Amino acid sequence: MRVYADNAATTKLSPAAKEAMLPYFDEIYGNPSTLYTLGQEAAEHLLACRTEIAQLIGAADPRGDRVHLRRQRG
Protein backbone atom coordinates (compact mmCIF):
# COMPACT_ATOMS: atom_id res chain seq x y z
CA MET A 1 0.00 0.00 0.00
CA ARG A 2 1.29 3.47 -0.92
CA VAL A 3 0.94 6.35 1.51
CA TYR A 4 1.30 9.94 0.31
CA ALA A 5 1.56 12.44 3.15
CA ASP A 6 2.26 15.70 1.30
CA ASN A 7 -1.26 16.64 0.20
CA ALA A 8 -0.47 20.28 0.94
CA ALA A 9 1.82 20.25 -2.11
CA THR A 10 -0.36 18.24 -4.46
CA THR A 11 -3.21 15.79 -4.27
CA LYS A 12 -4.22 12.98 -6.59
CA LEU A 13 -7.37 13.86 -8.53
CA SER A 14 -10.48 11.87 -7.84
CA PRO A 15 -11.69 9.88 -10.85
CA ALA A 16 -14.77 12.13 -11.12
CA ALA A 17 -12.69 15.33 -11.11
CA LYS A 18 -10.28 13.87 -13.67
CA GLU A 19 -13.15 12.89 -15.96
CA ALA A 20 -14.70 16.36 -15.65
CA MET A 21 -11.39 18.07 -16.48
CA LEU A 22 -10.35 15.93 -19.47
CA PRO A 23 -11.95 18.23 -22.08
CA TYR A 24 -9.93 21.14 -20.68
CA PHE A 25 -6.67 19.19 -20.90
CA ASP A 26 -7.25 17.84 -24.41
CA GLU A 27 -9.67 20.07 -26.35
CA ILE A 28 -10.51 23.37 -24.64
CA TYR A 29 -7.06 24.43 -23.46
CA GLY A 30 -6.84 27.94 -24.91
CA ASN A 31 -5.93 30.96 -22.83
CA PRO A 32 -9.29 32.48 -21.82
CA SER A 33 -7.75 35.97 -21.79
CA THR A 34 -7.03 35.98 -25.53
CA LEU A 35 -9.12 36.90 -28.55
CA TYR A 36 -8.49 33.87 -30.75
CA THR A 37 -11.18 31.22 -31.13
CA LEU A 38 -9.70 28.56 -28.87
CA GLY A 39 -9.19 31.14 -26.11
CA GLN A 40 -12.73 32.50 -26.46
CA GLU A 41 -14.13 28.97 -26.22
CA ALA A 42 -12.17 28.47 -23.01
CA ALA A 43 -13.45 31.84 -21.71
CA GLU A 44 -17.06 30.77 -22.31
CA HIS A 45 -16.52 27.57 -20.33
CA LEU A 46 -14.73 29.44 -17.54
CA LEU A 47 -17.61 31.92 -17.23
CA ALA A 48 -20.11 29.04 -17.16
CA CYS A 49 -18.14 27.37 -14.35
CA ARG A 50 -17.87 30.60 -12.36
CA THR A 51 -21.60 31.20 -12.81
CA GLU A 52 -22.40 27.70 -11.55
CA ILE A 53 -20.13 28.18 -8.53
CA ALA A 54 -21.70 31.58 -7.82
CA GLN A 55 -25.16 30.02 -7.86
CA LEU A 56 -24.06 27.11 -5.64
CA ILE A 57 -22.60 29.40 -2.98
CA GLY A 58 -25.29 32.07 -3.25
CA ALA A 59 -22.96 34.80 -4.53
CA ALA A 60 -24.56 38.14 -5.27
CA ASP A 61 -23.36 38.31 -8.88
CA PRO A 62 -25.22 35.67 -10.89
CA ARG A 63 -23.01 36.22 -13.95
CA GLY A 64 -20.11 34.70 -12.09
CA ASP A 65 -17.51 37.14 -13.33
CA ARG A 66 -16.93 38.28 -9.76
CA VAL A 67 -16.15 34.79 -8.48
CA HIS A 68 -12.38 34.54 -8.14
CA LEU A 69 -10.84 31.18 -7.41
CA ARG A 70 -7.79 31.59 -5.17
CA ARG A 71 -5.72 29.41 -2.98
CA GLN A 72 -5.67 30.19 0.71
CA ARG A 73 -2.34 31.28 2.09
CA GLY A 74 -1.19 30.75 5.60
PDB file of N, CA and C in Angstrom:
ATOM      1  N   MET A   1       0.841  -1.180   0.000  1.00  0.00           N
ATOM      2  CA  MET A   1       0.000   0.000   0.000  1.00  0.00           C
ATOM      3  C   MET A   1       0.889   1.248   0.000  1.00  0.00           C
ATOM      4  N   ARG A   2       0.539   2.223  -0.853  1.00  0.00           N
ATOM      5  CA  ARG A   2       1.292   3.473  -0.918  1.00  0.00           C
ATOM      6  C   ARG A   2       0.619   4.523  -0.047  1.00  0.00           C
ATOM      7  N   VAL A   3       1.433   5.260   0.686  1.00  0.00           N
ATOM      8  CA  VAL A   3       0.936   6.352   1.515  1.00  0.00           C
ATOM      9  C   VAL A   3       1.598   7.632   1.036  1.00  0.00           C
ATOM     10  N   TYR A   4       0.788   8.644   0.734  1.00  0.00           N
ATOM     11  CA  TYR A   4       1.305   9.940   0.309  1.00  0.00           C
ATOM     12  C   TYR A   4       0.892  10.962   1.354  1.00  0.00           C
ATOM     13  N   ALA A   5       1.856  11.559   2.024  1.00  0.00           N
ATOM     14  CA  ALA A   5       1.558  12.435   3.150  1.00  0.00           C
ATOM     15  C   ALA A   5       1.790  13.919   2.866  1.00  0.00           C
ATOM     16  N   ASP A   6       1.986  14.294   1.614  1.00  0.00           N
ATOM     17  CA  ASP A   6       2.256  15.696   1.303  1.00  0.00           C
ATOM     18  C   ASP A   6       1.117  16.295   0.478  1.00  0.00           C
ATOM     19  N   ASN A   7      -0.118  16.124   0.931  1.00  0.00           N
ATOM     20  CA  ASN A   7      -1.264  16.641   0.196  1.00  0.00           C
ATOM     21  C   ASN A   7      -1.335  18.164   0.193  1.00  0.00           C
ATOM     22  N   ALA A   8      -0.516  18.825   0.995  1.00  0.00           N
ATOM     23  CA  ALA A   8      -0.470  20.281   0.940  1.00  0.00           C
ATOM     24  C   ALA A   8       0.219  20.728  -0.355  1.00  0.00           C
ATOM     25  N   ALA A   9       1.103  19.909  -0.881  1.00  0.00           N
ATOM     26  CA  ALA A   9       1.821  20.255  -2.107  1.00  0.00           C
ATOM     27  C   ALA A   9       1.014  19.879  -3.338  1.00  0.00           C
ATOM     28  N   THR A  10       0.455  18.713  -3.341  1.00  0.00           N
ATOM     29  CA  THR A  10      -0.357  18.238  -4.463  1.00  0.00           C
ATOM     30  C   THR A  10      -1.200  17.065  -3.996  1.00  0.00           C
ATOM     31  N   THR A  11      -2.297  16.866  -4.650  1.00  0.00           N
ATOM     32  CA  THR A  11      -3.206  15.787  -4.274  1.00  0.00           C
ATOM     33  C   THR A  11      -3.658  15.075  -5.528  1.00  0.00           C
ATOM     34  N   LYS A  12      -3.738  13.766  -5.459  1.00  0.00           N
ATOM     35  CA  LYS A  12      -4.218  12.984  -6.591  1.00  0.00           C
ATOM     36  C   LYS A  12      -5.675  13.354  -6.869  1.00  0.00           C
ATOM     37  N   LEU A  13      -5.994  13.538  -8.145  1.00  0.00           N
ATOM     38  CA  LEU A  13      -7.369  13.858  -8.526  1.00  0.00           C
ATOM     39  C   LEU A  13      -8.280  12.659  -8.308  1.00  0.00           C
ATOM     40  N   SER A  14      -9.483  12.938  -7.904  1.00  0.00           N
ATOM     41  CA  SER A  14     -10.480  11.870  -7.836  1.00  0.00           C
ATOM     42  C   SER A  14     -10.843  11.490  -9.267  1.00  0.00           C
ATOM     43  N   PRO A  15     -11.291  10.267  -9.494  1.00  0.00           N
ATOM     44  CA  PRO A  15     -11.693   9.879 -10.846  1.00  0.00           C
ATOM     45  C   PRO A  15     -12.765  10.804 -11.438  1.00  0.00           C
ATOM     46  N   ALA A  16     -13.705  11.249 -10.622  1.00  0.00           N
ATOM     47  CA  ALA A  16     -14.773  12.131 -11.119  1.00  0.00           C
ATOM     48  C   ALA A  16     -14.210  13.486 -11.546  1.00  0.00           C
ATOM     49  N   ALA A  17     -13.295  14.045 -10.758  1.00  0.00           N
ATOM     50  CA  ALA A  17     -12.688  15.334 -11.111  1.00  0.00           C
ATOM     51  C   ALA A  17     -11.842  15.194 -12.371  1.00  0.00           C
ATOM     52  N   LYS A  18     -11.107  14.108 -12.478  1.00  0.00           N
ATOM     53  CA  LYS A  18     -10.281  13.875 -13.667  1.00  0.00           C
ATOM     54  C   LYS A  18     -11.155  13.787 -14.914  1.00  0.00           C
ATOM     55  N   GLU A  19     -12.229  13.047 -14.821  1.00  0.00           N
ATOM     56  CA  GLU A  19     -13.151  12.893 -15.957  1.00  0.00           C
ATOM     57  C   GLU A  19     -13.737  14.246 -16.358  1.00  0.00           C
ATOM     58  N   ALA A  20     -14.112  15.052 -15.371  1.00  0.00           N
ATOM     59  CA  ALA A  20     -14.701  16.363 -15.652  1.00  0.00           C
ATOM     60  C   ALA A  20     -13.692  17.312 -16.297  1.00  0.00           C
ATOM     61  N   MET A  21     -12.420  17.160 -15.969  1.00  0.00           N
ATOM     62  CA  MET A  21     -11.389  18.070 -16.480  1.00  0.00           C
ATOM     63  C   MET A  21     -10.786  17.645 -17.812  1.00  0.00           C
ATOM     64  N   LEU A  22     -10.983  16.412 -18.247  1.00  0.00           N
ATOM     65  CA  LEU A  22     -10.351  15.929 -19.475  1.00  0.00           C
ATOM     66  C   LEU A  22     -10.577  16.830 -20.687  1.00  0.00           C
ATOM     67  N   PRO A  23     -11.781  17.341 -20.915  1.00  0.00           N
ATOM     68  CA  PRO A  23     -11.947  18.226 -22.084  1.00  0.00           C
ATOM     69  C   PRO A  23     -11.044  19.459 -22.028  1.00  0.00           C
ATOM     70  N   TYR A  24     -10.740  19.933 -20.830  1.00  0.00           N
ATOM     71  CA  TYR A  24      -9.927  21.142 -20.684  1.00  0.00           C
ATOM     72  C   TYR A  24      -8.437  20.844 -20.804  1.00  0.00           C
ATOM     73  N   PHE A  25      -8.060  19.583 -20.679  1.00  0.00           N
ATOM     74  CA  PHE A  25      -6.675  19.186 -20.902  1.00  0.00           C
ATOM     75  C   PHE A  25      -6.428  18.874 -22.375  1.00  0.00           C
ATOM     76  N   ASP A  26      -7.436  18.362 -23.056  1.00  0.00           N
ATOM     77  CA  ASP A  26      -7.246  17.845 -24.410  1.00  0.00           C
ATOM     78  C   ASP A  26      -7.838  18.712 -25.519  1.00  0.00           C
ATOM     79  N   GLU A  27      -8.947  19.402 -25.267  1.00  0.00           N
ATOM     80  CA  GLU A  27      -9.674  20.068 -26.348  1.00  0.00           C
ATOM     81  C   GLU A  27      -9.867  21.568 -26.142  1.00  0.00           C
ATOM     82  N   ILE A  28     -10.151  21.975 -24.921  1.00  0.00           N
ATOM     83  CA  ILE A  28     -10.512  23.370 -24.642  1.00  0.00           C
ATOM     84  C   ILE A  28      -9.426  23.971 -23.749  1.00  0.00           C
ATOM     85  N   TYR A  29      -8.213  24.054 -24.272  1.00  0.00           N
ATOM     86  CA  TYR A  29      -7.065  24.435 -23.464  1.00  0.00           C
ATOM     87  C   TYR A  29      -6.546  25.835 -23.777  1.00  0.00           C
ATOM     88  N   GLY A  30      -7.291  26.602 -24.546  1.00  0.00           N
ATOM     89  CA  GLY A  30      -6.842  27.942 -24.912  1.00  0.00           C
ATOM     90  C   GLY A  30      -6.803  28.881 -23.722  1.00  0.00           C
ATOM     91  N   ASN A  31      -6.017  29.932 -23.853  1.00  0.00           N
ATOM     92  CA  ASN A  31      -5.925  30.957 -22.826  1.00  0.00           C
ATOM     93  C   ASN A  31      -7.207  31.787 -22.858  1.00  0.00           C
ATOM     94  N   PRO A  32      -8.014  31.770 -21.787  1.00  0.00           N
ATOM     95  CA  PRO A  32      -9.292  32.476 -21.816  1.00  0.00           C
ATOM     96  C   PRO A  32      -9.161  34.000 -21.857  1.00  0.00           C
ATOM     97  N   SER A  33      -7.961  34.520 -21.746  1.00  0.00           N
ATOM     98  CA  SER A  33      -7.753  35.969 -21.792  1.00  0.00           C
ATOM     99  C   SER A  33      -7.409  36.469 -23.192  1.00  0.00           C
ATOM    100  N   THR A  34      -7.420  35.586 -24.180  1.00  0.00           N
ATOM    101  CA  THR A  34      -7.033  35.976 -25.532  1.00  0.00           C
ATOM    102  C   THR A  34      -8.250  36.123 -26.434  1.00  0.00           C
ATOM    103  N   LEU A  35      -8.024  36.651 -27.625  1.00  0.00           N
ATOM    104  CA  LEU A  35      -9.117  36.899 -28.554  1.00  0.00           C
ATOM    105  C   LEU A  35      -9.287  35.817 -29.618  1.00  0.00           C
ATOM    106  N   TYR A  36      -8.347  34.897 -29.730  1.00  0.00           N
ATOM    107  CA  TYR A  36      -8.487  33.872 -30.750  1.00  0.00           C
ATOM    108  C   TYR A  36      -9.557  32.856 -30.349  1.00  0.00           C
ATOM    109  N   THR A  37     -10.026  32.090 -31.315  1.00  0.00           N
ATOM    110  CA  THR A  37     -11.185  31.222 -31.132  1.00  0.00           C
ATOM    111  C   THR A  37     -11.030  30.235 -29.987  1.00  0.00           C
ATOM    112  N   LEU A  38      -9.899  29.553 -29.921  1.00  0.00           N
ATOM    113  CA  LEU A  38      -9.699  28.564 -28.866  1.00  0.00           C
ATOM    114  C   LEU A  38      -9.729  29.222 -27.486  1.00  0.00           C
ATOM    115  N   GLY A  39      -9.160  30.418 -27.377  1.00  0.00           N
ATOM    116  CA  GLY A  39      -9.194  31.143 -26.112  1.00  0.00           C
ATOM    117  C   GLY A  39     -10.593  31.598 -25.747  1.00  0.00           C
ATOM    118  N   GLN A  40     -11.357  32.057 -26.724  1.00  0.00           N
ATOM    119  CA  GLN A  40     -12.726  32.500 -26.459  1.00  0.00           C
ATOM    120  C   GLN A  40     -13.616  31.326 -26.039  1.00  0.00           C
ATOM    121  N   GLU A  41     -13.379  30.161 -26.628  1.00  0.00           N
ATOM    122  CA  GLU A  41     -14.129  28.970 -26.223  1.00  0.00           C
ATOM    123  C   GLU A  41     -13.816  28.624 -24.768  1.00  0.00           C
ATOM    124  N   ALA A  42     -12.558  28.719 -24.400  1.00  0.00           N
ATOM    125  CA  ALA A  42     -12.172  28.471 -23.008  1.00  0.00           C
ATOM    126  C   ALA A  42     -12.807  29.510 -22.082  1.00  0.00           C
ATOM    127  N   ALA A  43     -12.856  30.772 -22.523  1.00  0.00           N
ATOM    128  CA  ALA A  43     -13.452  31.839 -21.712  1.00  0.00           C
ATOM    129  C   ALA A  43     -14.936  31.581 -21.466  1.00  0.00           C
ATOM    130  N   GLU A  44     -15.632  31.086 -22.479  1.00  0.00           N
ATOM    131  CA  GLU A  44     -17.057  30.775 -22.313  1.00  0.00           C
ATOM    132  C   GLU A  44     -17.254  29.678 -21.266  1.00  0.00           C
ATOM    133  N   HIS A  45     -16.411  28.660 -21.313  1.00  0.00           N
ATOM    134  CA  HIS A  45     -16.515  27.574 -20.335  1.00  0.00           C
ATOM    135  C   HIS A  45     -16.151  28.065 -18.933  1.00  0.00           C
ATOM    136  N   LEU A  46     -15.128  28.906 -18.839  1.00  0.00           N
ATOM    137  CA  LEU A  46     -14.727  29.444 -17.544  1.00  0.00           C
ATOM    138  C   LEU A  46     -15.857  30.275 -16.932  1.00  0.00           C
ATOM    139  N   LEU A  47     -16.492  31.113 -17.727  1.00  0.00           N
ATOM    140  CA  LEU A  47     -17.608  31.915 -17.227  1.00  0.00           C
ATOM    141  C   LEU A  47     -18.767  31.023 -16.785  1.00  0.00           C
ATOM    142  N   ALA A  48     -19.041  29.967 -17.541  1.00  0.00           N
ATOM    143  CA  ALA A  48     -20.107  29.040 -17.158  1.00  0.00           C
ATOM    144  C   ALA A  48     -19.790  28.364 -15.823  1.00  0.00           C
ATOM    145  N   CYS A  49     -18.535  27.992 -15.619  1.00  0.00           N
ATOM    146  CA  CYS A  49     -18.139  27.372 -14.350  1.00  0.00           C
ATOM    147  C   CYS A  49     -18.247  28.360 -13.199  1.00  0.00           C
ATOM    148  N   ARG A  50     -17.780  29.581 -13.418  1.00  0.00           N
ATOM    149  CA  ARG A  50     -17.873  30.601 -12.364  1.00  0.00           C
ATOM    150  C   ARG A  50     -19.334  30.902 -12.026  1.00  0.00           C
ATOM    151  N   THR A  51     -20.180  30.942 -13.043  1.00  0.00           N
ATOM    152  CA  THR A  51     -21.602  31.196 -12.814  1.00  0.00           C
ATOM    153  C   THR A  51     -22.218  30.081 -11.987  1.00  0.00           C
ATOM    154  N   GLU A  52     -21.872  28.839 -12.316  1.00  0.00           N
ATOM    155  CA  GLU A  52     -22.396  27.698 -11.547  1.00  0.00           C
ATOM    156  C   GLU A  52     -21.925  27.745 -10.101  1.00  0.00           C
ATOM    157  N   ILE A  53     -20.654  28.073  -9.898  1.00  0.00           N
ATOM    158  CA  ILE A  53     -20.133  28.178  -8.532  1.00  0.00           C
ATOM    159  C   ILE A  53     -20.832  29.309  -7.787  1.00  0.00           C
ATOM    160  N   ALA A  54     -21.015  30.449  -8.452  1.00  0.00           N
ATOM    161  CA  ALA A  54     -21.699  31.582  -7.819  1.00  0.00           C
ATOM    162  C   ALA A  54     -23.100  31.185  -7.375  1.00  0.00           C
ATOM    163  N   GLN A  55     -23.806  30.458  -8.212  1.00  0.00           N
ATOM    164  CA  GLN A  55     -25.155  30.021  -7.859  1.00  0.00           C
ATOM    165  C   GLN A  55     -25.121  29.028  -6.692  1.00  0.00           C
ATOM    166  N   LEU A  56     -24.154  28.119  -6.700  1.00  0.00           N
ATOM    167  CA  LEU A  56     -24.059  27.113  -5.642  1.00  0.00           C
ATOM    168  C   LEU A  56     -23.763  27.726  -4.280  1.00  0.00           C
ATOM    169  N   ILE A  57     -22.963  28.802  -4.260  1.00  0.00           N
ATOM    170  CA  ILE A  57     -22.602  29.405  -2.977  1.00  0.00           C
ATOM    171  C   ILE A  57     -23.453  30.620  -2.646  1.00  0.00           C
ATOM    172  N   GLY A  58     -24.406  30.945  -3.512  1.00  0.00           N
ATOM    173  CA  GLY A  58     -25.292  32.071  -3.248  1.00  0.00           C
ATOM    174  C   GLY A  58     -24.611  33.418  -3.400  1.00  0.00           C
ATOM    175  N   ALA A  59     -23.649  33.528  -4.304  1.00  0.00           N
ATOM    176  CA  ALA A  59     -22.957  34.797  -4.529  1.00  0.00           C
ATOM    177  C   ALA A  59     -23.919  35.820  -5.127  1.00  0.00           C
ATOM    178  N   ALA A  60     -23.659  37.078  -4.847  1.00  0.00           N
ATOM    179  CA  ALA A  60     -24.560  38.140  -5.273  1.00  0.00           C
ATOM    180  C   ALA A  60     -24.573  38.344  -6.782  1.00  0.00           C
ATOM    181  N   ASP A  61     -23.462  38.060  -7.451  1.00  0.00           N
ATOM    182  CA  ASP A  61     -23.359  38.315  -8.884  1.00  0.00           C
ATOM    183  C   ASP A  61     -23.667  37.037  -9.655  1.00  0.00           C
ATOM    184  N   PRO A  62     -24.850  36.913 -10.220  1.00  0.00           N
ATOM    185  CA  PRO A  62     -25.221  35.666 -10.888  1.00  0.00           C
ATOM    186  C   PRO A  62     -24.449  35.407 -12.178  1.00  0.00           C
ATOM    187  N   ARG A  63     -23.794  36.428 -12.729  1.00  0.00           N
ATOM    188  CA  ARG A  63     -23.008  36.221 -13.950  1.00  0.00           C
ATOM    189  C   ARG A  63     -21.755  35.423 -13.667  1.00  0.00           C
ATOM    190  N   GLY A  64     -21.285  35.464 -12.455  1.00  0.00           N
ATOM    191  CA  GLY A  64     -20.110  34.698 -12.087  1.00  0.00           C
ATOM    192  C   GLY A  64     -18.786  35.365 -12.375  1.00  0.00           C
ATOM    193  N   ASP A  65     -18.795  36.540 -12.996  1.00  0.00           N
ATOM    194  CA  ASP A  65     -17.508  37.140 -13.325  1.00  0.00           C
ATOM    195  C   ASP A  65     -16.858  37.807 -12.114  1.00  0.00           C
ATOM    196  N   ARG A  66     -17.518  37.760 -10.990  1.00  0.00           N
ATOM    197  CA  ARG A  66     -16.931  38.277  -9.756  1.00  0.00           C
ATOM    198  C   ARG A  66     -16.492  37.146  -8.829  1.00  0.00           C
ATOM    199  N   VAL A  67     -16.618  35.925  -9.268  1.00  0.00           N
ATOM    200  CA  VAL A  67     -16.148  34.794  -8.478  1.00  0.00           C
ATOM    201  C   VAL A  67     -14.695  34.555  -8.856  1.00  0.00           C
ATOM    202  N   HIS A  68     -13.809  34.730  -7.907  1.00  0.00           N
ATOM    203  CA  HIS A  68     -12.381  34.542  -8.143  1.00  0.00           C
ATOM    204  C   HIS A  68     -11.921  33.325  -7.361  1.00  0.00           C
ATOM    205  N   LEU A  69     -11.325  32.407  -8.039  1.00  0.00           N
ATOM    206  CA  LEU A  69     -10.837  31.185  -7.406  1.00  0.00           C
ATOM    207  C   LEU A  69      -9.391  31.410  -7.002  1.00  0.00           C
ATOM    208  N   ARG A  70      -9.136  31.327  -5.704  1.00  0.00           N
ATOM    209  CA  ARG A  70      -7.793  31.588  -5.175  1.00  0.00           C
ATOM    210  C   ARG A  70      -7.427  30.505  -4.183  1.00  0.00           C
ATOM    211  N   ARG A  71      -6.154  30.323  -4.028  1.00  0.00           N
ATOM    212  CA  ARG A  71      -5.723  29.408  -2.980  1.00  0.00           C
ATOM    213  C   ARG A  71      -5.574  30.195  -1.688  1.00  0.00           C
ATOM    214  N   GLN A  72      -5.793  29.536  -0.587  1.00  0.00           N
ATOM    215  CA  GLN A  72      -5.673  30.189   0.712  1.00  0.00           C
ATOM    216  C   GLN A  72      -4.224  30.128   1.148  1.00  0.00           C
ATOM    217  N   ARG A  73      -3.719  31.239   1.601  1.00  0.00           N
ATOM    218  CA  ARG A  73      -2.338  31.281   2.089  1.00  0.00           C
ATOM    219  C   ARG A  73      -2.369  31.253   3.621  1.00  0.00           C
ATOM    220  N   GLY A  74      -1.323  30.677   4.154  1.00  0.00           N
ATOM    221  CA  GLY A  74      -1.194  30.746   5.605  1.00  0.00           C
ATOM    222  C   GLY A  74      -1.306  29.496   6.310  1.00  0.00           C
TER     223      GLY A  74
END
